Amino acid sequence: MSVRGAIYYKPAFKFHDGGNSDKLILLLNAPTNNNDYLFVPTTSQQKIRSKTVGCVKHYSAGEFFIPKRTTALKLDT
């Protein structure tokens, strides 16, 4: 059984633009029975993203900021 919040390593994660990179992905839910797993890729590339902790509306999508060393992640994510 997988635990919500677990961090997994995904080598050669494929992006929509065709590129790929090794990524850490987070499990957001704790599925039971035949429910789907919900994973999100992480990034330490801040660009113009907010550093407000937690869920932040960002343009047409949302994002979630986790400060470094508040979890097992060593960089701001």
Protein backbone atom coordinates (compact mmCIF):
# COMPACT_ATOMS: atom_id res chain seq x y z
CA MET A 1 0.00 0.00 0.00
CA SER A 2 1.36 3.41 -0.95
CA VAL A 3 1.33 6.29 1.51
CA ARG A 4 0.04 9.77 0.63
CA GLY A 5 3.00 12.17 0.47
CA ALA A 6 5.48 9.48 -0.55
CA ILE A 7 8.31 10.66 -2.80
CA TYR A 8 9.33 8.51 -5.76
CA TYR A 9 12.22 8.75 -8.23
CA LYS A 10 11.23 8.63 -11.91
CA PRO A 11 14.17 8.38 -14.33
CA ALA A 12 13.66 9.93 -17.80
CA PHE A 13 10.31 11.58 -16.96
CA LYS A 14 8.75 12.64 -20.30
CA PHE A 15 7.50 16.23 -20.65
CA HIS A 16 4.71 17.44 -22.96
CA ASP A 17 7.29 19.15 -25.20
CA GLY A 18 9.10 15.85 -25.82
CA GLY A 19 12.01 16.50 -23.46
CA ASN A 20 12.86 14.31 -20.52
CA SER A 21 14.67 14.54 -17.22
CA ASP A 22 15.06 12.54 -14.02
CA LYS A 23 12.35 13.74 -11.61
CA LEU A 24 11.04 13.24 -8.12
CA ILE A 25 7.28 12.71 -8.09
CA LEU A 26 4.92 13.00 -5.12
CA LEU A 27 1.90 10.82 -4.41
CA LEU A 28 -0.97 13.17 -3.48
CA ASN A 29 -3.62 10.65 -2.47
CA ALA A 30 -3.93 7.31 -0.72
CA PRO A 31 -6.02 5.27 -3.17
CA THR A 32 -8.04 2.29 -2.07
CA ASN A 33 -9.67 -0.50 -4.07
CA ASN A 34 -9.59 0.45 -7.77
CA ASN A 35 -9.05 4.20 -7.34
CA ASP A 36 -6.40 5.93 -9.44
CA TYR A 37 -3.10 7.18 -8.05
CA LEU A 38 -2.51 10.94 -8.34
CA PHE A 39 1.16 11.87 -8.82
CA VAL A 40 2.72 15.28 -9.49
CA PRO A 41 6.26 15.97 -10.68
CA THR A 42 8.47 18.27 -8.61
CA THR A 43 10.75 21.07 -9.78
CA SER A 44 13.43 23.15 -8.13
CA GLN A 45 13.45 25.56 -11.11
CA GLN A 46 11.71 28.53 -9.50
CA LYS A 47 11.54 30.86 -12.53
CA ILE A 48 8.82 33.38 -11.55
CA ARG A 49 6.96 31.08 -9.19
CA SER A 50 5.75 32.23 -5.79
CA LYS A 51 7.54 31.24 -2.59
CA THR A 52 4.32 31.37 -0.60
CA VAL A 53 4.12 28.08 1.31
CA GLY A 54 1.31 25.77 0.22
CA CYS A 55 -1.13 25.91 -2.67
CA VAL A 56 -0.99 29.08 -4.80
CA LYS A 57 -3.06 30.04 -7.85
CA HIS A 58 -0.54 30.77 -10.58
CA TYR A 59 -1.81 32.14 -13.88
CA SER A 60 -4.25 29.61 -15.36
CA ALA A 61 -3.01 26.73 -13.22
CA GLY A 62 -2.09 26.13 -9.61
CA GLU A 63 1.14 25.22 -7.89
CA PHE A 64 2.22 24.06 -4.48
CA PHE A 65 5.39 25.39 -2.84
CA ILE A 66 7.35 23.32 -0.29
CA PRO A 67 10.32 25.06 1.39
CA LYS A 68 13.62 23.16 1.43
CA ARG A 69 14.31 20.88 4.38
CA THR A 70 10.70 21.00 5.69
CA THR A 71 10.32 17.52 4.15
CA ALA A 72 12.78 15.05 2.68
CA LEU A 73 13.30 17.46 -0.25
CA LYS A 74 16.64 19.26 -0.07
CA LEU A 75 15.70 22.19 -2.35
CA ASP A 76 12.75 24.57 -2.52
CA THR A 77 10.18 22.66 -4.54
